[in-house]
Amino acid sequence: MPCADAPGTTCFDPEYIWITPGLMQKALVLTALPAFLLGLGLVRGLAHLGVSELVSFMITMPVFITAWFYLAGWLLDRWRYKRSLPTAVTQG
């Protein structure tokens, strides 16, 4: 968009920048949705106490996402391990 102040130059106004999320970003949001919802509640709760939403989001979200994927992986491993065990044959 041309600048009104200086002809022949272009203005940089951040409100005109739009970046569409790619497949990886959409996949992260969908798979980590429980972590995002938990983080949303915590960030809003801390905002009522006067804590900056940006700071609390940047601190809590990596922790919640890591914990969520760790828990999901642990549950998946446990489920696969239980399925791989041979069934016990009882002798009567």
Protein backbone atom coordinates (compact mmCIF):
# COMPACT_ATOMS: atom_id res chain seq x y z
CA MET A 1 0.00 0.00 0.00
CA PRO A 2 1.57 3.34 -0.98
CA CYS A 3 2.39 5.86 1.74
CA ALA A 4 0.48 9.12 1.84
CA ASP A 5 3.40 10.90 3.58
CA ALA A 6 6.17 10.01 1.14
CA PRO A 7 5.20 9.40 -2.51
CA GLY A 8 7.06 6.58 -4.22
CA THR A 9 7.47 4.51 -1.05
CA THR A 10 5.37 1.84 0.57
CA CYS A 11 4.13 1.84 4.13
CA PHE A 12 4.48 -1.11 6.42
CA ASP A 13 1.36 -1.52 8.48
CA PRO A 14 1.11 -4.83 10.40
CA GLU A 15 -2.68 -4.93 10.26
CA TYR A 16 -2.47 -5.75 6.55
CA ILE A 17 -0.27 -8.82 7.02
CA TRP A 18 -2.16 -12.11 6.96
CA ILE A 19 -0.45 -15.47 7.22
CA THR A 20 -2.52 -18.58 6.69
CA PRO A 21 -1.50 -21.53 8.86
CA GLY A 22 -0.11 -24.55 7.07
CA LEU A 23 -0.90 -28.21 7.50
CA MET A 24 1.60 -28.72 10.33
CA GLN A 25 0.21 -25.83 12.39
CA LYS A 26 -3.35 -27.07 11.94
CA ALA A 27 -2.31 -30.61 12.89
CA LEU A 28 -0.60 -29.34 16.06
CA VAL A 29 -3.69 -27.42 17.14
CA LEU A 30 -5.98 -30.40 16.49
CA THR A 31 -3.83 -33.00 18.23
CA ALA A 32 -3.00 -30.76 21.19
CA LEU A 33 -6.53 -29.40 21.60
CA PRO A 34 -6.90 -30.60 25.23
CA ALA A 35 -3.66 -28.80 26.14
CA PHE A 36 -4.85 -25.63 24.42
CA LEU A 37 -8.19 -25.74 26.24
CA LEU A 38 -6.50 -26.26 29.60
CA GLY A 39 -4.06 -23.46 28.79
CA LEU A 40 -6.92 -21.17 27.81
CA GLY A 41 -8.54 -21.65 31.19
CA LEU A 42 -5.29 -21.04 33.07
CA VAL A 43 -4.33 -17.98 31.02
CA ARG A 44 -7.73 -16.40 31.53
CA GLY A 45 -7.64 -17.21 35.23
CA LEU A 46 -4.22 -15.63 35.61
CA ALA A 47 -5.39 -12.60 33.61
CA HIS A 48 -8.04 -11.95 36.25
CA LEU A 49 -5.23 -11.85 38.81
CA GLY A 50 -3.36 -9.26 36.74
CA VAL A 51 -0.78 -11.51 35.07
CA SER A 52 0.02 -10.74 31.45
CA GLU A 53 -1.79 -13.12 29.10
CA LEU A 54 1.12 -13.20 26.67
CA VAL A 55 3.68 -14.13 29.31
CA SER A 56 1.47 -16.77 30.92
CA PHE A 57 0.63 -18.26 27.49
CA MET A 58 4.29 -18.42 26.45
CA ILE A 59 5.26 -20.12 29.72
CA THR A 60 2.38 -22.56 30.17
CA MET A 61 1.69 -23.79 26.64
CA PRO A 62 5.01 -25.59 26.05
CA VAL A 63 4.58 -27.30 29.42
CA PHE A 64 0.97 -28.32 28.71
CA ILE A 65 1.69 -29.50 25.16
CA THR A 66 4.69 -31.56 26.31
CA ALA A 67 2.69 -33.08 29.16
CA TRP A 68 -0.25 -33.86 26.86
CA PHE A 69 1.88 -35.64 24.24
CA TYR A 70 3.80 -37.48 26.96
CA LEU A 71 0.53 -38.69 28.49
CA ALA A 72 -0.92 -39.65 25.10
CA GLY A 73 2.25 -41.57 24.20
CA TRP A 74 2.32 -43.31 27.57
CA LEU A 75 -1.31 -44.38 27.24
CA LEU A 76 -0.72 -45.61 23.68
CA ASP A 77 2.34 -47.62 24.76
CA ARG A 78 0.44 -49.12 27.67
CA TRP A 79 -2.49 -50.07 25.42
CA ARG A 80 -0.16 -51.67 22.84
CA TYR A 81 1.74 -53.55 25.56
CA LYS A 82 -1.46 -54.98 27.02
CA ARG A 83 -2.59 -56.10 23.56
CA SER A 84 0.72 -57.83 22.90
CA LEU A 85 0.62 -59.97 26.06
CA PRO A 86 -0.54 -63.52 25.44
CA THR A 87 -3.77 -64.38 27.14
CA ALA A 88 -3.41 -66.58 30.18
CA VAL A 89 -4.83 -70.03 29.77
CA THR A 90 -6.46 -71.32 32.89
CA GLN A 91 -6.31 -75.02 33.51
CA GLY A 92 -9.28 -76.50 35.26
